[in-house]
Amino acid sequence: LIPKIIRKIDSDADTTKIIEPSFCPSCGSRTTRTLRGSDGAVTYCSQPKDCPGVRIGKIDHWIGSSKTGVGILAIGDATLKALISSGLVADPADLYKLNVDDIKDLVLDGNIKVGQSRAETIVENINGKRCLDLHIFLGSLGIELFGRKRAKLLIDANGDNLSSVDKWLDIDHLTKTIGDDSITMNSIINGISDNAWLIRKLLDNGVTIKGN
């Protein structure tokens, strides 16, 4: 269905002009605009590495669902907020260091503790997502224009050239393989480079890639 404008309806109602924010509401840094594929220019925080809002979003994206992220169940918004505010989790890799004793006494909104049973479920679900397909691992990092679907397309199209994490981490090799002549490919290359520390930390914390 392609919508069609039939007519313009004039309104006397008061309207408020939407002003683009100049500062990030989470950390107060200046905002910047970046081209994002078909979405056009999008406003971002200019200091994403130091922004708590970006950090929370990155962890939440990794946790994800069956369609995005790795799909760790039982970690809702309240639990994630408590994990971050307690200092237990600062990035997705920290999830894989958690144990039941870390989680069971966390206090959620409403002064409710997580409890032993739920803590056991959370740890079990995290451990169930330690061994991942390469495209799910890469596509869950929260890199702009690079989700699970695009990761799989690139892996399938390039065969052995992009069949392991090490080959993705070799930025010169990655650039030669996928090219850097488009906004999308530049975003992927820069995103992998910026997240190399996180990739290595995830692997150090026990995440493994199927077939690698």
N, C-alpha and C. Protein backbone atom coordinates (compact mmCIF):
# COMPACT_ATOMS: atom_id res chain seq x y z
N LEU A 1 0.85 -1.19 0.00
CA LEU A 1 0.00 0.00 0.00
C LEU A 1 0.88 1.24 0.00
N ILE A 2 0.73 2.11 -0.99
CA ILE A 2 1.49 3.35 -1.07
C ILE A 2 0.55 4.50 -0.73
N PRO A 3 0.78 5.20 0.37
CA PRO A 3 -0.13 6.29 0.74
C PRO A 3 -0.08 7.43 -0.26
N LYS A 4 -1.21 8.12 -0.42
CA LYS A 4 -1.30 9.24 -1.33
C LYS A 4 -1.91 10.43 -0.60
N ILE A 5 -1.29 11.61 -0.74
CA ILE A 5 -1.84 12.81 -0.13
C ILE A 5 -3.01 13.29 -0.98
N ILE A 6 -4.19 13.38 -0.36
CA ILE A 6 -5.39 13.80 -1.08
C ILE A 6 -5.60 15.31 -0.97
N ARG A 7 -5.47 15.81 0.26
CA ARG A 7 -5.65 17.24 0.45
C ARG A 7 -4.98 17.66 1.76
N LYS A 8 -4.76 18.94 1.89
CA LYS A 8 -4.21 19.52 3.11
C LYS A 8 -5.36 20.06 3.95
N ILE A 9 -5.35 19.74 5.23
CA ILE A 9 -6.39 20.22 6.13
C ILE A 9 -5.79 21.30 7.01
N ASP A 10 -6.29 22.52 6.88
CA ASP A 10 -5.81 23.62 7.70
C ASP A 10 -6.36 23.48 9.11
N SER A 11 -5.53 23.85 10.08
CA SER A 11 -5.94 23.75 11.48
C SER A 11 -5.62 25.04 12.20
N ASP A 12 -6.53 25.46 13.06
CA ASP A 12 -6.33 26.66 13.87
C ASP A 12 -5.70 26.33 15.21
N ALA A 13 -5.48 25.04 15.44
CA ALA A 13 -4.93 24.63 16.74
C ALA A 13 -3.52 25.15 16.91
N ASP A 14 -3.17 25.45 18.16
CA ASP A 14 -1.81 25.91 18.45
C ASP A 14 -0.82 24.80 18.14
N THR A 15 0.27 25.15 17.55
CA THR A 15 1.31 24.17 17.25
C THR A 15 2.61 24.59 17.90
N THR A 16 3.43 23.60 18.19
CA THR A 16 4.73 23.85 18.79
C THR A 16 5.82 23.33 17.87
N LYS A 17 6.74 24.19 17.53
CA LYS A 17 7.84 23.78 16.66
C LYS A 17 8.76 22.85 17.41
N ILE A 18 9.10 21.74 16.77
CA ILE A 18 10.01 20.77 17.38
C ILE A 18 11.45 21.22 17.10
N ILE A 19 12.18 21.48 18.16
CA ILE A 19 13.54 21.97 18.03
C ILE A 19 14.52 20.81 18.23
N GLU A 20 15.40 20.65 17.28
CA GLU A 20 16.40 19.58 17.38
C GLU A 20 17.32 19.85 18.58
N PRO A 21 17.52 18.86 19.45
CA PRO A 21 18.37 19.07 20.63
C PRO A 21 19.83 19.33 20.27
N SER A 22 20.42 20.31 20.92
CA SER A 22 21.83 20.62 20.69
C SER A 22 22.74 19.85 21.64
N PHE A 23 22.13 19.32 22.73
CA PHE A 23 22.90 18.59 23.74
C PHE A 23 22.22 17.26 24.04
N CYS A 24 23.02 16.25 24.29
CA CYS A 24 22.51 14.92 24.63
C CYS A 24 21.78 14.97 25.97
N PRO A 25 20.55 14.49 26.06
CA PRO A 25 19.81 14.53 27.32
C PRO A 25 20.37 13.59 28.38
N SER A 26 21.23 12.64 27.97
CA SER A 26 21.77 11.68 28.92
C SER A 26 23.07 12.15 29.56
N CYS A 27 23.99 12.71 28.74
CA CYS A 27 25.31 13.08 29.28
C CYS A 27 25.64 14.56 29.13
N GLY A 28 24.83 15.29 28.36
CA GLY A 28 25.07 16.72 28.20
C GLY A 28 26.07 17.10 27.13
N SER A 29 26.62 16.10 26.41
CA SER A 29 27.56 16.41 25.33
C SER A 29 26.82 17.00 24.13
N ARG A 30 27.56 17.70 23.29
CA ARG A 30 26.98 18.22 22.06
C ARG A 30 26.45 17.08 21.19
N THR A 31 25.40 17.36 20.46
CA THR A 31 24.90 16.37 19.52
C THR A 31 25.53 16.60 18.15
N THR A 32 25.45 15.60 17.30
CA THR A 32 25.97 15.70 15.95
C THR A 32 24.99 14.99 15.02
N ARG A 33 25.06 15.29 13.75
CA ARG A 33 24.16 14.64 12.78
C ARG A 33 24.98 13.76 11.85
N THR A 34 24.45 12.55 11.62
CA THR A 34 25.15 11.57 10.79
C THR A 34 24.17 10.96 9.81
N LEU A 35 24.61 10.74 8.58
CA LEU A 35 23.76 10.07 7.60
C LEU A 35 23.60 8.61 7.97
N ARG A 36 22.36 8.14 7.94
CA ARG A 36 22.09 6.75 8.28
C ARG A 36 21.19 6.12 7.22
N GLY A 37 21.80 5.76 6.12
CA GLY A 37 21.08 5.07 5.06
C GLY A 37 19.81 5.79 4.64
N SER A 38 18.73 5.03 4.50
CA SER A 38 17.45 5.58 4.05
C SER A 38 16.79 6.47 5.09
N ASP A 39 17.28 6.43 6.34
CA ASP A 39 16.72 7.29 7.38
C ASP A 39 17.17 8.74 7.23
N GLY A 40 18.16 8.98 6.38
CA GLY A 40 18.68 10.34 6.20
C GLY A 40 19.57 10.74 7.35
N ALA A 41 19.61 12.05 7.64
CA ALA A 41 20.46 12.55 8.72
C ALA A 41 19.78 12.31 10.07
N VAL A 42 20.53 11.72 10.99
CA VAL A 42 20.01 11.38 12.32
C VAL A 42 20.90 12.05 13.36
N THR A 43 20.28 12.52 14.44
CA THR A 43 21.01 13.20 15.50
C THR A 43 21.55 12.21 16.52
N TYR A 44 22.82 12.36 16.87
CA TYR A 44 23.48 11.46 17.81
C TYR A 44 24.22 12.25 18.88
N CYS A 45 24.54 11.58 19.98
CA CYS A 45 25.47 12.12 20.96
C CYS A 45 26.87 12.09 20.35
N SER A 46 27.64 13.17 20.54
CA SER A 46 28.98 13.25 19.95
C SER A 46 30.03 12.50 20.75
N GLN A 47 29.67 12.04 21.96
CA GLN A 47 30.62 11.31 22.81
C GLN A 47 30.03 9.96 23.22
N PRO A 48 29.76 9.08 22.25
CA PRO A 48 29.07 7.83 22.57
C PRO A 48 29.83 6.91 23.53
N LYS A 49 31.16 6.97 23.51
CA LYS A 49 31.94 6.08 24.38
C LYS A 49 31.78 6.44 25.86
N ASP A 50 31.47 7.71 26.14
CA ASP A 50 31.37 8.16 27.52
C ASP A 50 29.93 8.41 27.95
N CYS A 51 28.97 8.17 27.07
CA CYS A 51 27.57 8.50 27.36
C CYS A 51 26.86 7.33 28.03
N PRO A 52 26.30 7.51 29.23
CA PRO A 52 25.59 6.42 29.91
C PRO A 52 24.37 5.94 29.13
N GLY A 53 23.70 6.88 28.42
CA GLY A 53 22.54 6.49 27.64
C GLY A 53 22.91 5.55 26.50
N VAL A 54 24.01 5.87 25.83
CA VAL A 54 24.50 5.01 24.74
C VAL A 54 24.93 3.66 25.29
N ARG A 55 25.59 3.69 26.46
CA ARG A 55 26.06 2.45 27.07
C ARG A 55 24.89 1.53 27.42
N ILE A 56 23.84 2.09 28.02
CA ILE A 56 22.67 1.29 28.36
C ILE A 56 22.04 0.72 27.09
N GLY A 57 21.94 1.57 26.05
CA GLY A 57 21.36 1.12 24.80
C GLY A 57 22.15 -0.01 24.17
N LYS A 58 23.47 0.06 24.29
CA LYS A 58 24.34 -0.98 23.71
C LYS A 58 24.15 -2.32 24.42
N ILE A 59 24.06 -2.27 25.75
CA ILE A 59 23.84 -3.50 26.51
C ILE A 59 22.47 -4.08 26.20
N ASP A 60 21.47 -3.20 26.16
CA ASP A 60 20.10 -3.62 25.87
C ASP A 60 20.00 -4.22 24.48
N HIS A 61 20.74 -3.65 23.52
CA HIS A 61 20.72 -4.18 22.16
C HIS A 61 21.36 -5.57 22.12
N TRP A 62 22.44 -5.76 22.86
CA TRP A 62 23.09 -7.07 22.90
C TRP A 62 22.13 -8.12 23.49
N ILE A 63 21.48 -7.78 24.61
CA ILE A 63 20.52 -8.71 25.22
C ILE A 63 19.44 -9.06 24.22
N GLY A 64 18.83 -8.04 23.62
CA GLY A 64 17.96 -8.19 22.47
C GLY A 64 16.79 -9.13 22.62
N SER A 65 16.47 -9.79 21.51
CA SER A 65 15.32 -10.68 21.41
C SER A 65 15.65 -11.77 20.41
N SER A 66 14.62 -12.49 19.97
CA SER A 66 14.84 -13.56 18.99
C SER A 66 15.20 -12.99 17.61
N LYS A 67 14.92 -11.69 17.40
CA LYS A 67 15.17 -11.08 16.09
C LYS A 67 16.35 -10.11 16.11
N THR A 68 16.63 -9.52 17.27
CA THR A 68 17.76 -8.61 17.40
C THR A 68 18.55 -9.00 18.63
N GLY A 69 19.84 -8.74 18.62
CA GLY A 69 20.66 -9.13 19.76
C GLY A 69 20.79 -10.64 19.85
N VAL A 70 21.31 -11.10 20.97
CA VAL A 70 21.54 -12.54 21.12
C VAL A 70 20.34 -13.24 21.74
N GLY A 71 19.41 -12.47 22.32
CA GLY A 71 18.18 -13.07 22.84
C GLY A 71 18.32 -13.66 24.22
N ILE A 72 18.87 -12.90 25.17
CA ILE A 72 18.95 -13.35 26.56
C ILE A 72 17.64 -13.00 27.26
N LEU A 73 16.91 -14.00 27.70
CA LEU A 73 15.62 -13.78 28.34
C LEU A 73 15.78 -13.46 29.83
N ALA A 74 14.74 -12.87 30.42
CA ALA A 74 14.61 -12.61 31.86
C ALA A 74 15.36 -11.39 32.36
N ILE A 75 16.03 -10.66 31.47
CA ILE A 75 16.68 -9.41 31.89
C ILE A 75 15.84 -8.26 31.34
N GLY A 76 14.89 -7.81 32.15
CA GLY A 76 14.04 -6.70 31.74
C GLY A 76 14.69 -5.37 32.05
N ASP A 77 13.96 -4.30 31.77
CA ASP A 77 14.50 -2.95 31.96
C ASP A 77 14.91 -2.69 33.40
N ALA A 78 14.07 -3.13 34.36
CA ALA A 78 14.36 -2.88 35.78
C ALA A 78 15.61 -3.63 36.22
N THR A 79 15.75 -4.87 35.77
CA THR A 79 16.92 -5.66 36.14
C THR A 79 18.19 -5.08 35.52
N LEU A 80 18.10 -4.69 34.26
CA LEU A 80 19.26 -4.10 33.59
C LEU A 80 19.67 -2.81 34.28
N LYS A 81 18.70 -1.99 34.65
CA LYS A 81 18.99 -0.74 35.34
C LYS A 81 19.72 -1.01 36.65
N ALA A 82 19.27 -2.03 37.38
CA ALA A 82 19.91 -2.38 38.65
C ALA A 82 21.32 -2.92 38.46
N LEU A 83 21.51 -3.72 37.42
CA LEU A 83 22.84 -4.27 37.13
C LEU A 83 23.83 -3.15 36.80
N ILE A 84 23.37 -2.15 36.06
CA ILE A 84 24.25 -1.05 35.68
C ILE A 84 24.51 -0.12 36.86
N SER A 85 23.47 0.25 37.58
CA SER A 85 23.64 1.18 38.70
C SER A 85 24.47 0.58 39.83
N SER A 86 24.46 -0.74 39.95
CA SER A 86 25.26 -1.41 40.98
C SER A 86 26.73 -1.49 40.61
N GLY A 87 27.04 -1.22 39.34
CA GLY A 87 28.42 -1.32 38.87
C GLY A 87 28.82 -2.70 38.40
N LEU A 88 27.87 -3.64 38.40
CA LEU A 88 28.18 -5.00 37.98
C LEU A 88 28.35 -5.10 36.47
N VAL A 89 27.61 -4.28 35.73
CA VAL A 89 27.63 -4.37 34.28
C VAL A 89 27.84 -2.98 33.68
N ALA A 90 28.90 -2.85 32.89
CA ALA A 90 29.17 -1.58 32.20
C ALA A 90 29.17 -1.76 30.69
N ASP A 91 29.19 -3.00 30.22
CA ASP A 91 29.15 -3.30 28.79
C ASP A 91 28.64 -4.73 28.62
N PRO A 92 28.30 -5.14 27.40
CA PRO A 92 27.74 -6.49 27.20
C PRO A 92 28.62 -7.62 27.72
N ALA A 93 29.93 -7.46 27.65
CA ALA A 93 30.83 -8.53 28.08
C ALA A 93 30.72 -8.80 29.58
N ASP A 94 30.38 -7.78 30.36
CA ASP A 94 30.27 -7.96 31.81
C ASP A 94 29.14 -8.91 32.19
N LEU A 95 28.16 -9.07 31.32
CA LEU A 95 27.07 -10.01 31.60
C LEU A 95 27.60 -11.42 31.83
N TYR A 96 28.68 -11.76 31.13
CA TYR A 96 29.20 -13.13 31.17
C TYR A 96 30.10 -13.39 32.38
N LYS A 97 30.25 -12.39 33.26
CA LYS A 97 30.98 -12.58 34.51
C LYS A 97 30.03 -12.73 35.69
N LEU A 98 28.73 -12.53 35.46
CA LEU A 98 27.76 -12.55 36.56
C LEU A 98 27.55 -13.95 37.10
N ASN A 99 27.31 -14.02 38.41
CA ASN A 99 26.89 -15.27 39.03
C ASN A 99 25.66 -15.02 39.88
N VAL A 100 25.07 -16.06 40.41
CA VAL A 100 23.82 -15.96 41.16
C VAL A 100 23.97 -15.04 42.37
N ASP A 101 25.08 -15.18 43.09
CA ASP A 101 25.29 -14.35 44.28
C ASP A 101 25.37 -12.87 43.93
N ASP A 102 25.88 -12.55 42.73
CA ASP A 102 25.93 -11.15 42.30
C ASP A 102 24.54 -10.56 42.15
N ILE A 103 23.62 -11.38 41.66
CA ILE A 103 22.32 -10.88 41.20
C ILE A 103 21.22 -10.98 42.25
N LYS A 104 21.22 -12.01 43.06
CA LYS A 104 20.05 -12.33 43.88
C LYS A 104 19.65 -11.23 44.85
N ASP A 105 20.58 -10.43 45.33
CA ASP A 105 20.25 -9.38 46.31
C ASP A 105 20.08 -8.01 45.69
N LEU A 106 20.14 -7.92 44.36
CA LEU A 106 19.90 -6.64 43.71
C LEU A 106 18.48 -6.17 43.99
N VAL A 107 18.35 -4.87 44.27
CA VAL A 107 17.03 -4.30 44.58
C VAL A 107 16.52 -3.55 43.36
N LEU A 108 15.31 -3.93 42.93
CA LEU A 108 14.70 -3.31 41.77
C LEU A 108 13.78 -2.18 42.23
N ASP A 109 13.20 -1.48 41.28
CA ASP A 109 12.23 -0.44 41.62
C ASP A 109 11.09 -1.06 42.43
N GLY A 110 10.64 -0.34 43.44
CA GLY A 110 9.61 -0.87 44.31
C GLY A 110 10.19 -1.64 45.48
N ASN A 111 11.52 -1.55 45.63
CA ASN A 111 12.22 -2.20 46.74
C ASN A 111 12.03 -3.72 46.74
N ILE A 112 12.03 -4.28 45.54
CA ILE A 112 11.87 -5.73 45.38
C ILE A 112 13.22 -6.33 44.99
N LYS A 113 13.63 -7.40 45.69
CA LYS A 113 14.87 -8.07 45.36
C LYS A 113 14.66 -9.04 44.19
N VAL A 114 15.73 -9.24 43.45
CA VAL A 114 15.67 -10.20 42.34
C VAL A 114 15.36 -11.59 42.86
N GLY A 115 16.06 -12.01 43.90
CA GLY A 115 15.81 -13.32 44.50
C GLY A 115 16.61 -14.44 43.87
N GLN A 116 16.72 -15.53 44.63
CA GLN A 116 17.53 -16.67 44.22
C GLN A 116 17.05 -17.31 42.92
N SER A 117 15.76 -17.60 42.85
CA SER A 117 15.23 -18.33 41.70
C SER A 117 15.40 -17.54 40.40
N ARG A 118 15.05 -16.27 40.44
CA ARG A 118 15.17 -15.46 39.23
C ARG A 118 16.62 -15.25 38.86
N ALA A 119 17.48 -15.10 39.86
CA ALA A 119 18.91 -14.94 39.59
C ALA A 119 19.47 -16.18 38.89
N GLU A 120 19.04 -17.35 39.34
CA GLU A 120 19.48 -18.59 38.70
C GLU A 120 19.02 -18.66 37.24
N THR A 121 17.79 -18.20 37.00
CA THR A 121 17.26 -18.19 35.63
C THR A 121 18.05 -17.24 34.75
N ILE A 122 18.38 -16.06 35.27
CA ILE A 122 19.14 -15.08 34.49
C ILE A 122 20.50 -15.63 34.12
N VAL A 123 21.22 -16.19 35.10
CA VAL A 123 22.56 -16.74 34.84
C VAL A 123 22.47 -17.90 33.85
N GLU A 124 21.46 -18.75 34.00
CA GLU A 124 21.28 -19.87 33.08
C GLU A 124 21.05 -19.36 31.65
N ASN A 125 20.23 -18.32 31.52
CA ASN A 125 19.94 -17.78 30.19
C ASN A 125 21.17 -17.11 29.57
N ILE A 126 21.96 -16.43 30.40
CA ILE A 126 23.20 -15.83 29.89
C ILE A 126 24.14 -16.92 29.41
N ASN A 127 24.30 -17.96 30.21
CA ASN A 127 25.20 -19.06 29.82
C ASN A 127 24.72 -19.77 28.57
N GLY A 128 23.40 -19.74 28.35
CA GLY A 128 22.84 -20.36 27.15
C GLY A 128 23.15 -19.59 25.88
N LYS A 129 23.68 -18.38 26.04
CA LYS A 129 24.03 -17.55 24.89
C LYS A 129 25.53 -17.26 24.87
N ARG A 130 26.31 -18.24 25.27
CA ARG A 130 27.77 -18.11 25.21
C ARG A 130 28.34 -18.56 23.87
N CYS A 131 27.71 -19.53 23.25
CA CYS A 131 28.17 -20.02 21.95
C CYS A 131 27.24 -19.50 20.87
N LEU A 132 27.75 -18.63 20.02
CA LEU A 132 26.91 -17.91 19.07
C LEU A 132 27.38 -18.10 17.63
N ASP A 133 26.42 -18.02 16.72
CA ASP A 133 26.78 -17.95 15.30
C ASP A 133 27.52 -16.63 15.07
N LEU A 134 28.45 -16.63 14.13
CA LEU A 134 29.26 -15.44 13.89
C LEU A 134 28.40 -14.23 13.51
N HIS A 135 27.38 -14.43 12.69
CA HIS A 135 26.56 -13.29 12.26
C HIS A 135 25.73 -12.72 13.41
N ILE A 136 25.32 -13.58 14.34
CA ILE A 136 24.57 -13.09 15.50
C ILE A 136 25.51 -12.33 16.43
N PHE A 137 26.70 -12.85 16.65
CA PHE A 137 27.71 -12.18 17.47
C PHE A 137 28.00 -10.78 16.94
N LEU A 138 28.33 -10.69 15.65
CA LEU A 138 28.69 -9.40 15.06
C LEU A 138 27.49 -8.45 14.97
N GLY A 139 26.35 -9.00 14.60
CA GLY A 139 25.17 -8.17 14.40
C GLY A 139 24.53 -7.69 15.69
N SER A 140 25.01 -8.18 16.83
CA SER A 140 24.46 -7.77 18.13
C SER A 140 25.32 -6.73 18.83
N LEU A 141 26.38 -6.27 18.18
CA LEU A 141 27.31 -5.31 18.79
C LEU A 141 26.76 -3.89 18.83
N GLY A 142 25.67 -3.65 18.11
CA GLY A 142 25.09 -2.31 18.11
C GLY A 142 25.77 -1.35 17.16
N ILE A 143 26.36 -1.87 16.09
CA ILE A 143 27.02 -1.04 15.09
C ILE A 143 25.97 -0.51 14.12
N GLU A 144 26.02 0.78 13.84
CA GLU A 144 25.04 1.40 12.94
C GLU A 144 25.05 0.72 11.57
N LEU A 145 23.86 0.46 11.05
CA LEU A 145 23.65 -0.13 9.72
C LEU A 145 24.20 -1.55 9.61
N PHE A 146 24.39 -2.21 10.76
CA PHE A 146 25.00 -3.54 10.73
C PHE A 146 24.33 -4.45 11.76
N GLY A 147 23.25 -5.08 11.32
CA GLY A 147 22.56 -6.04 12.17
C GLY A 147 22.87 -7.46 11.76
N ARG A 148 22.13 -8.38 12.33
CA ARG A 148 22.38 -9.80 12.07
C ARG A 148 22.21 -10.16 10.59
N LYS A 149 21.18 -9.61 9.96
CA LYS A 149 20.90 -9.95 8.57
C LYS A 149 22.03 -9.53 7.65
N ARG A 150 22.49 -8.28 7.81
CA ARG A 150 23.58 -7.80 6.94
C ARG A 150 24.88 -8.55 7.22
N ALA A 151 25.12 -8.87 8.49
CA ALA A 151 26.32 -9.64 8.83
C ALA A 151 26.31 -10.99 8.12
N LYS A 152 25.16 -11.66 8.11
CA LYS A 152 25.07 -12.96 7.47
C LYS A 152 25.25 -12.85 5.95
N LEU A 153 24.68 -11.80 5.37
CA LEU A 153 24.83 -11.60 3.93
C LEU A 153 26.30 -11.43 3.55
N LEU A 154 27.03 -10.64 4.34
CA LEU A 154 28.44 -10.41 4.05
C LEU A 154 29.27 -11.67 4.26
N ILE A 155 28.98 -12.41 5.32
CA ILE A 155 29.71 -13.66 5.59
C ILE A 155 29.46 -14.66 4.48
N ASP A 156 28.19 -14.83 4.09
CA ASP A 156 27.85 -15.79 3.03
C ASP A 156 28.46 -15.39 1.69
N ALA A 157 28.50 -14.07 1.41
CA ALA A 157 29.00 -13.59 0.11
C ALA A 157 30.51 -13.67 -0.01
N ASN A 158 31.21 -13.64 1.13
CA ASN A 158 32.68 -13.58 1.09
C ASN A 158 33.37 -14.85 1.57
N GLY A 159 32.59 -15.85 1.91
CA GLY A 159 33.14 -17.16 2.24
C GLY A 159 34.24 -17.12 3.29
N ASP A 160 35.36 -17.78 2.98
CA ASP A 160 36.44 -17.92 3.94
C ASP A 160 37.08 -16.58 4.31
N ASN A 161 36.92 -15.57 3.48
CA ASN A 161 37.52 -14.26 3.76
C ASN A 161 36.98 -13.61 5.02
N LEU A 162 35.73 -13.94 5.37
CA LEU A 162 35.12 -13.35 6.57
C LEU A 162 34.50 -14.44 7.47
N SER A 163 35.16 -15.57 7.54
CA SER A 163 34.59 -16.71 8.24
C SER A 163 34.95 -16.79 9.72
N SER A 164 35.80 -15.87 10.20
CA SER A 164 36.20 -15.90 11.60
C SER A 164 36.27 -14.50 12.18
N VAL A 165 36.22 -14.40 13.49
CA VAL A 165 36.32 -13.11 14.17
C VAL A 165 37.65 -12.44 13.85
N ASP A 166 38.73 -13.21 13.84
CA ASP A 166 40.05 -12.65 13.57
C ASP A 166 40.09 -11.93 12.22
N LYS A 167 39.41 -12.48 11.22
CA LYS A 167 39.42 -11.86 9.90
C LYS A 167 38.62 -10.56 9.91
N TRP A 168 37.58 -10.49 10.73
CA TRP A 168 36.83 -9.25 10.86
C TRP A 168 37.64 -8.20 11.62
N LEU A 169 38.42 -8.64 12.58
CA LEU A 169 39.22 -7.71 13.37
C LEU A 169 40.43 -7.17 12.62
N ASP A 170 40.81 -7.82 11.54
CA ASP A 170 41.89 -7.32 10.69
C ASP A 170 41.29 -6.24 9.79
N ILE A 171 41.37 -4.98 10.22
CA ILE A 171 40.66 -3.90 9.55
C ILE A 171 41.12 -3.71 8.10
N ASP A 172 42.41 -3.86 7.85
CA ASP A 172 42.90 -3.74 6.47
C ASP A 172 42.29 -4.82 5.59
N HIS A 173 42.26 -6.04 6.11
CA HIS A 173 41.67 -7.16 5.37
C HIS A 173 40.17 -6.93 5.17
N LEU A 174 39.50 -6.46 6.23
CA LEU A 174 38.06 -6.21 6.15
C LEU A 174 37.75 -5.15 5.09
N THR A 175 38.54 -4.09 5.07
CA THR A 175 38.33 -3.00 4.12
C THR A 175 38.52 -3.48 2.68
N LYS A 176 39.56 -4.28 2.46
CA LYS A 176 39.81 -4.81 1.12
C LYS A 176 38.69 -5.76 0.69
N THR A 177 38.12 -6.48 1.65
CA THR A 177 37.10 -7.48 1.33
C THR A 177 35.75 -6.86 1.02
N ILE A 178 35.29 -5.91 1.83
CA ILE A 178 33.94 -5.37 1.63
C ILE A 178 33.95 -4.00 0.97
N GLY A 179 35.13 -3.35 0.90
CA GLY A 179 35.21 -2.02 0.30
C GLY A 179 34.75 -0.94 1.26
N ASP A 180 35.18 0.29 0.99
CA ASP A 180 34.82 1.39 1.87
C ASP A 180 34.24 2.55 1.07
N ASP A 181 33.55 2.22 -0.02
CA ASP A 181 33.04 3.24 -0.94
C ASP A 181 31.56 3.55 -0.74
N SER A 182 31.02 3.19 0.41
CA SER A 182 29.62 3.50 0.70
C SER A 182 29.47 3.85 2.17
N ILE A 183 28.40 4.55 2.51
CA ILE A 183 28.13 4.92 3.90
C ILE A 183 27.99 3.67 4.76
N THR A 184 27.31 2.66 4.22
CA THR A 184 27.08 1.43 4.99
C THR A 184 28.39 0.72 5.30
N MET A 185 29.23 0.52 4.30
CA MET A 185 30.47 -0.21 4.52
C MET A 185 31.43 0.58 5.42
N ASN A 186 31.44 1.90 5.27
CA ASN A 186 32.25 2.72 6.17
C ASN A 186 31.78 2.58 7.61
N SER A 187 30.46 2.55 7.79
CA SER A 187 29.90 2.40 9.14
C SER A 187 30.31 1.06 9.75
N ILE A 188 30.30 0.02 8.94
CA ILE A 188 30.67 -1.32 9.43
C ILE A 188 32.15 -1.35 9.80
N ILE A 189 33.00 -0.84 8.91
CA ILE A 189 34.45 -0.86 9.16
C ILE A 189 34.79 -0.05 10.41
N ASN A 190 34.25 1.16 10.50
CA ASN A 190 34.52 2.00 11.68
C ASN A 190 33.93 1.38 12.93
N GLY A 191 32.76 0.77 12.79
CA GLY A 191 32.12 0.14 13.94
C GLY A 191 32.91 -1.04 14.49
N ILE A 192 33.42 -1.88 13.60
CA ILE A 192 34.25 -3.01 14.03
C ILE A 192 35.52 -2.50 14.70
N SER A 193 36.14 -1.48 14.11
CA SER A 193 37.35 -0.92 14.69
C SER A 193 37.08 -0.35 16.08
N ASP A 194 35.99 0.41 16.21
CA ASP A 194 35.66 1.02 17.50
C ASP A 194 35.27 0.00 18.56
N ASN A 195 34.76 -1.15 18.12
CA ASN A 195 34.29 -2.17 19.06
C ASN A 195 35.26 -3.34 19.20
N ALA A 196 36.48 -3.18 18.69
CA ALA A 196 37.46 -4.28 18.78
C ALA A 196 37.72 -4.66 20.24
N TRP A 197 37.78 -3.65 21.12
CA TRP A 197 38.01 -3.94 22.55
C TRP A 197 36.88 -4.78 23.13
N LEU A 198 35.63 -4.47 22.72
CA LEU A 198 34.48 -5.20 23.23
C LEU A 198 34.45 -6.62 22.69
N ILE A 199 34.78 -6.78 21.41
CA ILE A 199 34.83 -8.11 20.82
C ILE A 199 35.83 -8.99 21.58
N ARG A 200 37.01 -8.44 21.84
CA ARG A 200 38.04 -9.21 22.55
C ARG A 200 37.61 -9.51 24.00
N LYS A 201 36.95 -8.53 24.64
CA LYS A 201 36.50 -8.74 26.01
C LYS A 201 35.42 -9.81 26.08
N LEU A 202 34.51 -9.83 25.11
CA LEU A 202 33.49 -10.87 25.06
C LEU A 202 34.13 -12.25 24.93
N LEU A 203 35.13 -12.36 24.05
CA LEU A 203 35.81 -13.64 23.87
C LEU A 203 36.58 -14.02 25.13
N ASP A 204 37.21 -13.03 25.78
CA ASP A 204 37.96 -13.30 27.02
C ASP A 204 37.03 -13.76 28.13
N ASN A 205 35.77 -13.28 28.11
CA ASN A 205 34.81 -13.64 29.15
C ASN A 205 34.03 -14.90 28.84
N GLY A 206 34.47 -15.64 27.83
CA GLY A 206 33.90 -16.97 27.61
C GLY A 206 32.91 -17.10 26.49
N VAL A 207 32.69 -16.04 25.71
CA VAL A 207 31.81 -16.16 24.54
C VAL A 207 32.60 -16.84 23.41
N THR A 208 31.99 -17.79 22.76
CA THR A 208 32.66 -18.50 21.68
C THR A 208 31.81 -18.42 20.40
N ILE A 209 32.48 -18.63 19.27
CA ILE A 209 31.80 -18.56 17.97
C ILE A 209 31.72 -19.98 17.39
N LYS A 210 30.53 -20.37 16.99
CA LYS A 210 30.35 -21.70 16.41
C LYS A 210 31.22 -21.86 15.16
N GLY A 211 31.96 -22.95 15.11
CA GLY A 211 32.80 -23.25 13.96
C GLY A 211 34.17 -22.58 13.97
N ASN A 212 34.42 -21.68 14.94
CA ASN A 212 35.72 -21.00 15.01
C ASN A 212 36.63 -21.69 16.02
